[in-house]
């Protein structure tokens, strides 16, 4: 009977040891699973907090954009109005420039007529009919402007005078080979 008792006791011991070993293995796996699950839950909570913060930022930015929209619309209307005004003024400038060029042609025609009349032996009363403003002595005193790179002379305020504006007398500009600007008439 001692052999059977030993076998029963050994068998009971083995069953208990196997149960303990199985509990340890299963308990360790459960602990690892639950530990991993807890980490993921913490990470999810952190991400949800970040999402909530970002949603708040988006709401704030949207409110700022909504507040700014009337200002933007007003500025756009001002730009449209100023563009329209600029176009109208440019049309006026173009018209006046054309008129000035026409007047300059008339002046040049009068000058040519006056110089041909005096060279053909016309009386001094013919030369007095030409206004003093058109006399050649004004070429000496009239100031025009040339640029560093161009071949034309310009009047003050011409749109082609950008950065370089070199003043000189009209006669000097002509002597150096400059010709009149077609926009401002020189």
N, C-alpha and C. Protein backbone atom coordinates (compact mmCIF):
# COMPACT_ATOMS: atom_id res chain seq x y z
N UNK A 1 0.80 -1.18 0.00
CA UNK A 1 0.00 0.00 0.00
C UNK A 1 0.86 1.26 0.00
N UNK A 2 2.04 1.08 0.52
CA UNK A 2 2.89 2.24 0.53
C UNK A 2 3.17 2.74 -0.88
N UNK A 3 3.29 1.85 -1.84
CA UNK A 3 3.56 2.23 -3.23
C UNK A 3 2.40 2.99 -3.81
N UNK A 4 1.18 2.59 -3.46
CA UNK A 4 0.01 3.27 -4.00
C UNK A 4 -0.15 4.63 -3.35
N UNK A 5 0.18 4.72 -2.07
CA UNK A 5 0.09 5.99 -1.39
C UNK A 5 1.10 6.96 -1.99
N UNK A 6 2.29 6.40 -2.27
CA UNK A 6 3.31 7.25 -2.85
C UNK A 6 2.88 7.73 -4.21
N UNK A 7 2.26 6.88 -4.92
CA UNK A 7 1.83 7.27 -6.25
C UNK A 7 0.69 8.27 -6.18
N UNK A 8 -0.19 8.09 -5.23
CA UNK A 8 -1.30 9.04 -5.10
C UNK A 8 -0.77 10.39 -4.63
N UNK A 9 0.13 10.40 -3.69
CA UNK A 9 0.70 11.65 -3.20
C UNK A 9 1.53 12.34 -4.28
N UNK A 10 2.28 11.53 -5.01
CA UNK A 10 3.08 12.10 -6.09
C UNK A 10 2.18 12.68 -7.15
N UNK A 11 1.10 11.93 -7.42
CA UNK A 11 0.15 12.40 -8.43
C UNK A 11 -0.53 13.67 -7.97
N UNK A 12 -0.90 13.76 -6.70
CA UNK A 12 -1.53 14.96 -6.18
C UNK A 12 -0.53 16.13 -6.25
N UNK A 13 0.71 15.88 -5.90
CA UNK A 13 1.72 16.91 -5.93
C UNK A 13 1.94 17.40 -7.36
N UNK A 14 2.00 16.45 -8.27
CA UNK A 14 2.17 16.82 -9.68
C UNK A 14 0.98 17.63 -10.19
N UNK A 15 -0.22 17.29 -9.83
CA UNK A 15 -1.41 18.02 -10.26
C UNK A 15 -1.39 19.44 -9.67
N UNK A 16 -1.01 19.54 -8.41
CA UNK A 16 -0.96 20.85 -7.78
C UNK A 16 0.12 21.70 -8.44
N UNK A 17 1.29 21.07 -8.69
CA UNK A 17 2.39 21.81 -9.33
C UNK A 17 1.99 22.25 -10.73
N UNK A 18 1.33 21.37 -11.48
CA UNK A 18 0.88 21.70 -12.84
C UNK A 18 -0.15 22.83 -12.79
N UNK A 19 -1.05 22.79 -11.81
CA UNK A 19 -2.06 23.84 -11.66
C UNK A 19 -1.39 25.17 -11.35
N UNK A 20 -0.41 25.12 -10.43
CA UNK A 20 0.30 26.35 -10.10
C UNK A 20 1.05 26.90 -11.30
N UNK A 21 1.71 26.01 -12.03
CA UNK A 21 2.45 26.43 -13.21
C UNK A 21 1.51 27.01 -14.26
N UNK A 22 0.37 26.37 -14.48
CA UNK A 22 -0.62 26.87 -15.45
C UNK A 22 -1.18 28.22 -15.00
N UNK A 23 -1.43 28.39 -13.72
CA UNK A 23 -1.90 29.67 -13.19
C UNK A 23 -0.85 30.76 -13.40
N UNK A 24 0.41 30.41 -13.17
CA UNK A 24 1.48 31.40 -13.36
C UNK A 24 1.57 31.83 -14.82
N UNK A 25 1.51 30.85 -15.72
CA UNK A 25 1.62 31.17 -17.15
C UNK A 25 0.42 32.00 -17.59
N UNK A 26 -0.76 31.54 -17.23
CA UNK A 26 -1.97 32.28 -17.62
C UNK A 26 -2.03 33.63 -16.92
N UNK A 27 -1.62 33.70 -15.68
CA UNK A 27 -1.62 34.97 -14.95
C UNK A 27 -0.65 35.96 -15.57
N UNK A 28 0.53 35.49 -15.97
CA UNK A 28 1.52 36.36 -16.61
C UNK A 28 1.01 36.88 -17.94
N UNK A 29 0.36 36.01 -18.73
CA UNK A 29 -0.20 36.44 -20.02
C UNK A 29 -1.32 37.44 -19.80
N UNK A 30 -2.14 37.20 -18.80
CA UNK A 30 -3.23 38.12 -18.49
C UNK A 30 -2.68 39.46 -18.04
N UNK A 31 -1.62 39.40 -17.21
CA UNK A 31 -1.01 40.65 -16.74
C UNK A 31 -0.45 41.43 -17.93
N UNK A 32 0.25 40.77 -18.84
CA UNK A 32 0.82 41.43 -20.01
C UNK A 32 -0.29 42.02 -20.87
N UNK A 33 -1.36 41.25 -21.10
CA UNK A 33 -2.48 41.74 -21.91
C UNK A 33 -3.12 42.97 -21.27
N UNK A 34 -3.40 42.89 -19.98
CA UNK A 34 -4.04 44.01 -19.29
C UNK A 34 -3.10 45.22 -19.20
N UNK A 35 -1.83 44.99 -19.01
CA UNK A 35 -0.86 46.08 -18.97
C UNK A 35 -0.81 46.79 -20.34
N UNK A 36 -0.77 46.02 -21.41
CA UNK A 36 -0.76 46.58 -22.76
C UNK A 36 -2.07 47.35 -23.03
N UNK A 37 -3.17 46.77 -22.60
CA UNK A 37 -4.47 47.42 -22.78
C UNK A 37 -4.53 48.74 -22.00
N UNK A 38 -3.97 48.78 -20.81
CA UNK A 38 -3.97 50.02 -20.01
C UNK A 38 -3.11 51.09 -20.69
N UNK A 39 -1.96 50.69 -21.26
CA UNK A 39 -1.12 51.66 -21.97
C UNK A 39 -1.86 52.24 -23.17
N UNK A 40 -2.55 51.39 -23.91
CA UNK A 40 -3.30 51.86 -25.08
C UNK A 40 -4.45 52.78 -24.66
N UNK A 41 -5.07 52.49 -23.56
CA UNK A 41 -6.15 53.36 -23.08
C UNK A 41 -5.60 54.73 -22.67
N UNK A 42 -4.43 54.74 -22.04
CA UNK A 42 -3.80 56.02 -21.66
C UNK A 42 -3.43 56.81 -22.91
N UNK A 43 -2.89 56.13 -23.92
CA UNK A 43 -2.50 56.80 -25.16
C UNK A 43 -3.75 57.34 -25.88
N UNK A 44 -4.82 56.58 -25.88
CA UNK A 44 -6.07 57.03 -26.50
C UNK A 44 -6.61 58.26 -25.77
N UNK A 45 -6.55 58.27 -24.46
CA UNK A 45 -7.01 59.43 -23.69
C UNK A 45 -6.16 60.65 -24.01
N UNK A 46 -4.85 60.46 -24.15
CA UNK A 46 -3.96 61.57 -24.49
C UNK A 46 -4.29 62.12 -25.88
N UNK A 47 -4.50 61.23 -26.83
CA UNK A 47 -4.84 61.65 -28.20
C UNK A 47 -6.19 62.38 -28.22
N UNK A 48 -7.16 61.88 -27.46
CA UNK A 48 -8.46 62.54 -27.40
C UNK A 48 -8.32 63.94 -26.80
N UNK A 49 -7.44 64.10 -25.82
CA UNK A 49 -7.20 65.42 -25.24
C UNK A 49 -6.59 66.35 -26.28
N UNK A 50 -5.64 65.85 -27.07
CA UNK A 50 -5.03 66.66 -28.13
C UNK A 50 -6.06 67.05 -29.18
N UNK A 51 -6.93 66.11 -29.54
CA UNK A 51 -7.98 66.39 -30.53
C UNK A 51 -8.91 67.47 -30.00
N UNK A 52 -9.28 67.40 -28.75
CA UNK A 52 -10.16 68.42 -28.15
C UNK A 52 -9.48 69.78 -28.18
N UNK A 53 -8.20 69.83 -27.85
CA UNK A 53 -7.45 71.09 -27.87
C UNK A 53 -7.40 71.66 -29.29
N UNK A 54 -7.12 70.81 -30.27
CA UNK A 54 -7.06 71.26 -31.66
C UNK A 54 -8.43 71.73 -32.16
N UNK A 55 -9.47 71.04 -31.75
CA UNK A 55 -10.81 71.48 -32.14
C UNK A 55 -11.12 72.86 -31.58
N UNK A 56 -10.66 73.12 -30.35
CA UNK A 56 -10.83 74.44 -29.76
C UNK A 56 -10.06 75.50 -30.54
N UNK A 57 -8.84 75.15 -30.97
CA UNK A 57 -8.04 76.08 -31.77
C UNK A 57 -8.71 76.37 -33.10
N UNK A 58 -9.26 75.33 -33.71
CA UNK A 58 -9.95 75.51 -35.00
C UNK A 58 -11.16 76.42 -34.81
N UNK A 59 -11.89 76.23 -33.73
CA UNK A 59 -13.05 77.08 -33.46
C UNK A 59 -12.63 78.54 -33.27
N UNK A 60 -11.54 78.75 -32.54
CA UNK A 60 -11.05 80.12 -32.33
C UNK A 60 -10.64 80.76 -33.65
N UNK A 61 -9.91 80.01 -34.47
CA UNK A 61 -9.47 80.54 -35.77
C UNK A 61 -10.66 80.83 -36.68
N UNK A 62 -11.66 79.97 -36.64
CA UNK A 62 -12.85 80.20 -37.47
C UNK A 62 -13.58 81.47 -37.01
N UNK A 63 -13.63 81.68 -35.70
CA UNK A 63 -14.27 82.89 -35.18
C UNK A 63 -13.49 84.13 -35.62
N UNK A 64 -12.15 84.05 -35.59
CA UNK A 64 -11.34 85.18 -36.06
C UNK A 64 -11.57 85.43 -37.54
N UNK A 65 -11.64 84.36 -38.33
CA UNK A 65 -11.88 84.52 -39.77
C UNK A 65 -13.25 85.15 -40.01
N UNK A 66 -14.25 84.71 -39.25
CA UNK A 66 -15.60 85.27 -39.40
C UNK A 66 -15.61 86.76 -39.03
N UNK A 67 -14.85 87.13 -37.99
CA UNK A 67 -14.78 88.54 -37.59
C UNK A 67 -14.05 89.38 -38.63
N UNK A 68 -13.07 88.79 -39.30
CA UNK A 68 -12.26 89.52 -40.28
C UNK A 68 -12.95 89.66 -41.64
N UNK A 69 -13.91 88.83 -41.91
CA UNK A 69 -14.52 88.82 -43.24
C UNK A 69 -15.13 90.16 -43.65
N UNK A 70 -15.85 90.87 -42.77
CA UNK A 70 -16.35 92.19 -43.19
C UNK A 70 -15.23 93.16 -43.56
N UNK A 71 -14.13 93.12 -42.81
CA UNK A 71 -12.99 93.98 -43.14
C UNK A 71 -12.42 93.61 -44.50
N UNK A 72 -12.27 92.33 -44.74
CA UNK A 72 -11.76 91.85 -46.04
C UNK A 72 -12.69 92.30 -47.16
N UNK A 73 -13.99 92.13 -46.96
CA UNK A 73 -14.95 92.54 -47.99
C UNK A 73 -14.88 94.04 -48.25
N UNK A 74 -14.73 94.82 -47.17
CA UNK A 74 -14.61 96.28 -47.33
C UNK A 74 -13.35 96.66 -48.10
N UNK A 75 -12.24 95.99 -47.79
CA UNK A 75 -10.99 96.28 -48.49
C UNK A 75 -11.08 95.88 -49.96
N UNK A 76 -11.74 94.77 -50.23
CA UNK A 76 -11.92 94.36 -51.63
C UNK A 76 -12.74 95.40 -52.39
N UNK A 77 -13.77 95.93 -51.74
CA UNK A 77 -14.59 96.96 -52.38
C UNK A 77 -13.77 98.22 -52.63
N UNK A 78 -12.91 98.58 -51.67
CA UNK A 78 -12.04 99.74 -51.86
C UNK A 78 -11.07 99.53 -53.01
N UNK A 79 -10.52 98.33 -53.10
CA UNK A 79 -9.59 98.03 -54.19
C UNK A 79 -10.31 98.15 -55.53
N UNK A 80 -11.53 97.62 -55.61
CA UNK A 80 -12.30 97.71 -56.85
C UNK A 80 -12.58 99.17 -57.20
N UNK A 81 -12.96 99.95 -56.21
CA UNK A 81 -13.24 101.37 -56.44
C UNK A 81 -11.99 102.12 -56.89
N UNK A 82 -10.88 101.88 -56.20
CA UNK A 82 -9.63 102.54 -56.56
C UNK A 82 -9.13 102.11 -57.94
N UNK A 83 -9.33 100.86 -58.28
CA UNK A 83 -8.95 100.38 -59.61
C UNK A 83 -9.77 101.08 -60.68
N UNK A 84 -11.05 101.22 -60.42
CA UNK A 84 -11.92 101.92 -61.36
C UNK A 84 -11.49 103.38 -61.50
N UNK A 85 -11.19 104.01 -60.37
CA UNK A 85 -10.74 105.40 -60.39
C UNK A 85 -9.41 105.53 -61.14
N UNK A 86 -8.49 104.60 -60.88
CA UNK A 86 -7.19 104.60 -61.57
C UNK A 86 -7.38 104.48 -63.07
N UNK A 87 -8.27 103.59 -63.49
CA UNK A 87 -8.52 103.42 -64.93
C UNK A 87 -9.07 104.70 -65.54
N UNK A 88 -9.97 105.36 -64.81
CA UNK A 88 -10.52 106.62 -65.30
C UNK A 88 -9.44 107.68 -65.41
N UNK A 89 -8.57 107.76 -64.41
CA UNK A 89 -7.48 108.73 -64.45
C UNK A 89 -6.49 108.41 -65.56
N UNK A 90 -6.23 107.13 -65.77
CA UNK A 90 -5.32 106.75 -66.84
C UNK A 90 -5.88 107.15 -68.20
N UNK A 91 -7.18 107.01 -68.36
CA UNK A 91 -7.82 107.45 -69.60
C UNK A 91 -7.65 108.95 -69.77
N UNK A 92 -7.82 109.70 -68.70
CA UNK A 92 -7.63 111.15 -68.77
C UNK A 92 -6.17 111.49 -69.12
N UNK A 93 -5.23 110.79 -68.50
CA UNK A 93 -3.81 111.02 -68.78
C UNK A 93 -3.53 110.73 -70.25
N UNK A 94 -4.05 109.62 -70.76
CA UNK A 94 -3.82 109.27 -72.16
C UNK A 94 -4.41 110.33 -73.09
N UNK A 95 -5.59 110.82 -72.75
CA UNK A 95 -6.23 111.87 -73.57
C UNK A 95 -5.39 113.14 -73.54
N UNK A 96 -4.97 113.55 -72.34
CA UNK A 96 -4.17 114.77 -72.21
C UNK A 96 -2.81 114.61 -72.90
N UNK A 97 -2.22 113.45 -72.81
CA UNK A 97 -0.94 113.20 -73.47
C UNK A 97 -1.11 113.30 -74.98
N UNK A 98 -2.18 112.75 -75.49
CA UNK A 98 -2.45 112.85 -76.92
C UNK A 98 -2.67 114.30 -77.35
N UNK A 99 -3.43 115.03 -76.53
CA UNK A 99 -3.66 116.45 -76.83
C UNK A 99 -2.34 117.23 -76.78
N UNK A 100 -1.50 116.89 -75.82
CA UNK A 100 -0.22 117.58 -75.70
C UNK A 100 0.65 117.29 -76.93
N UNK A 101 0.66 116.05 -77.38
CA UNK A 101 1.43 115.69 -78.58
C UNK A 101 0.91 116.45 -79.79
N UNK A 102 -0.43 116.56 -79.90
CA UNK A 102 -1.01 117.32 -81.01
C UNK A 102 -0.59 118.79 -80.93
N UNK A 103 -0.63 119.36 -79.73
CA UNK A 103 -0.22 120.77 -79.55
C UNK A 103 1.27 120.94 -79.86
N UNK A 104 2.08 119.95 -79.46
CA UNK A 104 3.51 120.04 -79.75
C UNK A 104 3.75 120.02 -81.27
N UNK A 105 2.97 119.22 -82.00
CA UNK A 105 3.09 119.19 -83.46
C UNK A 105 2.72 120.56 -84.04
N UNK A 106 1.68 121.16 -83.46
CA UNK A 106 1.28 122.49 -83.93
C UNK A 106 2.40 123.51 -83.65
N UNK A 107 3.01 123.41 -82.48
CA UNK A 107 4.11 124.30 -82.12
C UNK A 107 5.26 124.10 -83.10
N UNK A 108 5.60 122.83 -83.36
CA UNK A 108 6.70 122.55 -84.28
C UNK A 108 6.39 123.09 -85.67
N UNK A 109 5.12 122.97 -86.10
CA UNK A 109 4.72 123.50 -87.40
C UNK A 109 4.87 125.01 -87.41
N UNK A 110 4.44 125.67 -86.33
CA UNK A 110 4.58 127.12 -86.23
C UNK A 110 6.05 127.53 -86.24
N UNK A 111 6.90 126.79 -85.53
CA UNK A 111 8.32 127.09 -85.51
C UNK A 111 8.92 126.93 -86.91
N UNK A 112 8.54 125.86 -87.57
CA UNK A 112 9.06 125.62 -88.92
C UNK A 112 8.60 126.73 -89.86
N UNK A 113 7.35 127.14 -89.73
CA UNK A 113 6.82 128.22 -90.56
C UNK A 113 7.53 129.53 -90.26
N UNK A 114 7.81 129.78 -89.01
CA UNK A 114 8.47 131.02 -88.61
C UNK A 114 9.90 131.04 -89.12
N UNK A 115 10.61 129.92 -89.02
CA UNK A 115 12.00 129.91 -89.46
C UNK A 115 12.08 129.96 -90.99
N UNK A 116 11.14 129.34 -91.68
CA UNK A 116 11.16 129.41 -93.15
C UNK A 116 10.75 130.80 -93.62
N UNK A 117 9.88 131.46 -92.89
CA UNK A 117 9.46 132.82 -93.24
C UNK A 117 10.59 133.80 -93.05
N UNK A 118 11.41 133.62 -92.02
CA UNK A 118 12.50 134.56 -91.78
C UNK A 118 13.67 134.29 -92.71
N UNK A 119 13.85 133.03 -93.11
CA UNK A 119 14.96 132.70 -94.01
C UNK A 119 14.64 133.09 -95.45
N UNK A 120 13.39 133.23 -95.79
CA UNK A 120 13.03 133.61 -97.15
C UNK A 120 12.95 135.11 -97.31
N UNK A 121 13.40 135.83 -96.34
CA UNK A 121 13.44 137.28 -96.43
C UNK A 121 12.14 137.92 -96.03
N UNK A 122 11.36 137.27 -95.22
CA UNK A 122 10.09 137.84 -94.78
C UNK A 122 10.35 139.02 -93.87
N UNK A 123 9.37 139.83 -93.67
CA UNK A 123 9.51 141.02 -92.85
C UNK A 123 9.60 140.64 -91.39
N UNK A 124 10.09 141.55 -90.60
CA UNK A 124 10.22 141.30 -89.17
C UNK A 124 8.86 141.22 -88.51
N UNK A 125 7.86 141.74 -89.13
CA UNK A 125 6.52 141.65 -88.53
C UNK A 125 6.02 140.22 -88.61
N UNK A 126 6.48 139.42 -89.60
CA UNK A 126 6.08 138.01 -89.67
C UNK A 126 6.65 137.23 -88.48
N UNK A 127 7.90 137.51 -88.12
CA UNK A 127 8.50 136.77 -87.01
C UNK A 127 7.90 137.20 -85.68
N UNK A 128 7.35 138.39 -85.62
CA UNK A 128 6.74 138.81 -84.36
C UNK A 128 5.38 138.16 -84.17
N UNK A 129 4.82 137.55 -85.23
CA UNK A 129 3.54 136.87 -85.07
C UNK A 129 3.71 135.53 -84.38
N UNK A 130 4.94 135.02 -84.32
CA UNK A 130 5.21 133.79 -83.58
C UNK A 130 5.41 134.16 -82.13
N UNK A 131 4.69 133.52 -81.22
CA UNK A 131 4.82 133.87 -79.81
C UNK A 131 6.24 133.64 -79.33
N UNK A 132 6.66 134.44 -78.37
CA UNK A 132 8.01 134.36 -77.83
C UNK A 132 8.29 133.01 -77.22
N UNK A 133 7.25 132.31 -76.75
CA UNK A 133 7.43 131.01 -76.12
C UNK A 133 7.99 130.00 -77.11
N UNK A 134 7.83 130.25 -78.41
CA UNK A 134 8.29 129.29 -79.41
C UNK A 134 9.62 129.68 -80.02
N UNK A 135 10.24 130.70 -79.56
CA UNK A 135 11.48 131.16 -80.18
C UNK A 135 12.61 130.21 -79.82
N UNK A 136 13.66 130.19 -80.63
CA UNK A 136 14.77 129.27 -80.42
C UNK A 136 15.57 129.60 -79.17
N UNK A 137 15.48 130.81 -78.68
CA UNK A 137 16.20 131.13 -77.45
C UNK A 137 15.63 130.35 -76.27
N UNK A 138 14.39 129.93 -76.39
CA UNK A 138 13.80 129.12 -75.33
C UNK A 138 14.42 127.73 -75.28
N UNK A 139 14.96 127.28 -76.43
CA UNK A 139 15.63 125.98 -76.42
C UNK A 139 16.79 126.00 -75.42
N UNK A 140 17.40 127.16 -75.24
CA UNK A 140 18.52 127.29 -74.31
C UNK A 140 18.05 127.23 -72.86
N UNK A 141 16.90 127.84 -72.58
CA UNK A 141 16.46 127.94 -71.20
C UNK A 141 15.46 126.86 -70.81
N UNK A 142 14.84 126.20 -71.77
CA UNK A 142 13.84 125.18 -71.45
C UNK A 142 14.56 123.92 -70.97
N UNK A 143 14.12 123.41 -69.83
CA UNK A 143 14.74 122.22 -69.26
C UNK A 143 13.94 121.00 -69.64
N UNK A 144 14.63 119.98 -70.14
CA UNK A 144 14.04 118.68 -70.42
C UNK A 144 14.86 117.66 -69.64
N UNK A 145 14.43 116.41 -69.69
CA UNK A 145 15.09 115.37 -68.91
C UNK A 145 15.41 114.19 -69.80
N UNK A 146 16.58 113.61 -69.60
CA UNK A 146 16.97 112.40 -70.30
C UNK A 146 17.26 111.33 -69.26
N UNK A 147 17.36 110.08 -69.73
CA UNK A 147 17.63 108.97 -68.81
C UNK A 147 19.02 108.42 -69.10
N UNK A 148 19.48 107.56 -68.22
CA UNK A 148 20.81 106.96 -68.38
C UNK A 148 20.88 106.10 -69.63
N UNK A 149 19.78 105.49 -70.01
CA UNK A 149 19.83 104.49 -71.08
C UNK A 149 19.04 104.87 -72.31
N UNK A 150 18.15 105.84 -72.25
CA UNK A 150 17.26 106.13 -73.37
C UNK A 150 17.85 107.06 -74.40
N UNK A 151 17.11 107.23 -75.49
CA UNK A 151 17.53 108.14 -76.57
C UNK A 151 16.53 109.27 -76.77
N UNK A 152 15.60 109.42 -75.84
CA UNK A 152 14.55 110.44 -75.94
C UNK A 152 14.72 111.46 -74.83
N UNK A 153 14.24 112.68 -75.08
CA UNK A 153 14.17 113.65 -73.99
C UNK A 153 12.71 113.81 -73.61
N UNK A 154 12.48 114.13 -72.35
CA UNK A 154 11.13 114.11 -71.76
C UNK A 154 10.87 115.40 -71.00
N UNK A 155 9.60 115.68 -70.81
CA UNK A 155 9.16 116.79 -69.96
C UNK A 155 9.03 116.25 -68.53
N UNK A 156 9.07 117.13 -67.57
CA UNK A 156 8.91 116.73 -66.17
C UNK A 156 7.57 116.04 -66.00
N UNK A 157 7.56 114.95 -65.26
CA UNK A 157 6.31 114.24 -64.97
C UNK A 157 5.99 113.14 -65.98
N UNK A 158 6.80 112.96 -67.02
CA UNK A 158 6.54 111.91 -68.01
C UNK A 158 6.64 110.55 -67.33
N UNK A 159 5.74 109.66 -67.71
CA UNK A 159 5.72 108.34 -67.06
C UNK A 159 6.95 107.50 -67.39
N UNK A 160 7.68 107.88 -68.42
CA UNK A 160 8.88 107.13 -68.78
C UNK A 160 10.10 107.57 -67.97
N UNK A 161 9.96 108.62 -67.21
CA UNK A 161 11.05 109.03 -66.32
C UNK A 161 10.87 108.27 -65.03
N UNK A 162 11.65 107.27 -64.84
CA UNK A 162 11.50 106.45 -63.64
C UNK A 162 12.55 106.85 -62.62
N UNK A 163 13.66 106.17 -62.62
CA UNK A 163 14.66 106.42 -61.59
C UNK A 163 15.66 107.48 -62.02
N UNK A 164 16.10 107.42 -63.28
CA UNK A 164 17.09 108.41 -63.69
C UNK A 164 16.42 109.56 -64.41
N UNK A 165 16.68 110.76 -63.96
CA UNK A 165 16.16 111.99 -64.55
C UNK A 165 17.31 112.98 -64.61
N UNK A 166 17.91 113.08 -65.77
CA UNK A 166 19.06 113.97 -65.91
C UNK A 166 18.59 115.25 -66.59
N UNK A 167 18.58 116.38 -65.89
CA UNK A 167 18.10 117.63 -66.50
C UNK A 167 19.16 118.21 -67.45
N UNK A 168 18.68 118.79 -68.54
CA UNK A 168 19.55 119.54 -69.45
C UNK A 168 18.67 120.45 -70.29
N UNK A 169 19.29 121.40 -70.96
CA UNK A 169 18.52 122.31 -71.79
C UNK A 169 18.06 121.56 -73.03
N UNK A 170 16.98 122.04 -73.61
CA UNK A 170 16.42 121.42 -74.80
C UNK A 170 17.44 121.45 -75.93
N UNK A 171 18.13 122.57 -76.09
CA UNK A 171 19.10 122.67 -77.19
C UNK A 171 20.25 121.68 -76.99
N UNK A 172 20.69 121.48 -75.75
CA UNK A 172 21.77 120.52 -75.48
C UNK A 172 21.29 119.10 -75.76
N UNK A 173 20.05 118.79 -75.38
CA UNK A 173 19.50 117.45 -75.65
C UNK A 173 19.46 117.19 -77.14
N UNK A 174 19.02 118.17 -77.91
CA UNK A 174 18.96 118.01 -79.37
C UNK A 174 20.37 117.88 -79.94
N UNK A 175 21.30 118.68 -79.42
CA UNK A 175 22.68 118.65 -79.91
C UNK A 175 23.31 117.27 -79.67
N UNK A 176 22.95 116.63 -78.57
CA UNK A 176 23.50 115.32 -78.24
C UNK A 176 22.77 114.19 -78.97
N UNK A 177 21.79 114.54 -79.78
CA UNK A 177 21.11 113.52 -80.58
C UNK A 177 19.85 112.94 -79.97
N UNK A 178 19.41 113.47 -78.85
CA UNK A 178 18.17 113.00 -78.25
C UNK A 178 17.00 113.51 -79.10
N UNK A 179 15.94 112.69 -79.16
CA UNK A 179 14.72 113.10 -79.87
C UNK A 179 13.57 113.15 -78.88
N UNK A 180 12.49 113.83 -79.28
CA UNK A 180 11.36 114.03 -78.37
C UNK A 180 10.64 112.72 -78.07
N UNK A 181 10.18 112.57 -76.83
CA UNK A 181 9.37 111.43 -76.42
C UNK A 181 8.01 111.52 -77.12
N UNK A 182 7.53 110.39 -77.60
CA UNK A 182 6.25 110.41 -78.31
C UNK A 182 5.06 110.51 -77.35
N UNK A 183 5.28 110.26 -76.08
CA UNK A 183 4.19 110.34 -75.10
C UNK A 183 4.04 111.75 -74.56
N UNK A 184 5.14 112.30 -74.07
CA UNK A 184 5.05 113.63 -73.45
C UNK A 184 5.43 114.77 -74.43
N UNK A 185 5.93 114.40 -75.58
CA UNK A 185 6.29 115.41 -76.57
C UNK A 185 7.63 116.06 -76.29
N UNK A 186 8.31 115.59 -75.27
CA UNK A 186 9.65 116.10 -74.98
C UNK A 186 9.56 117.48 -74.50
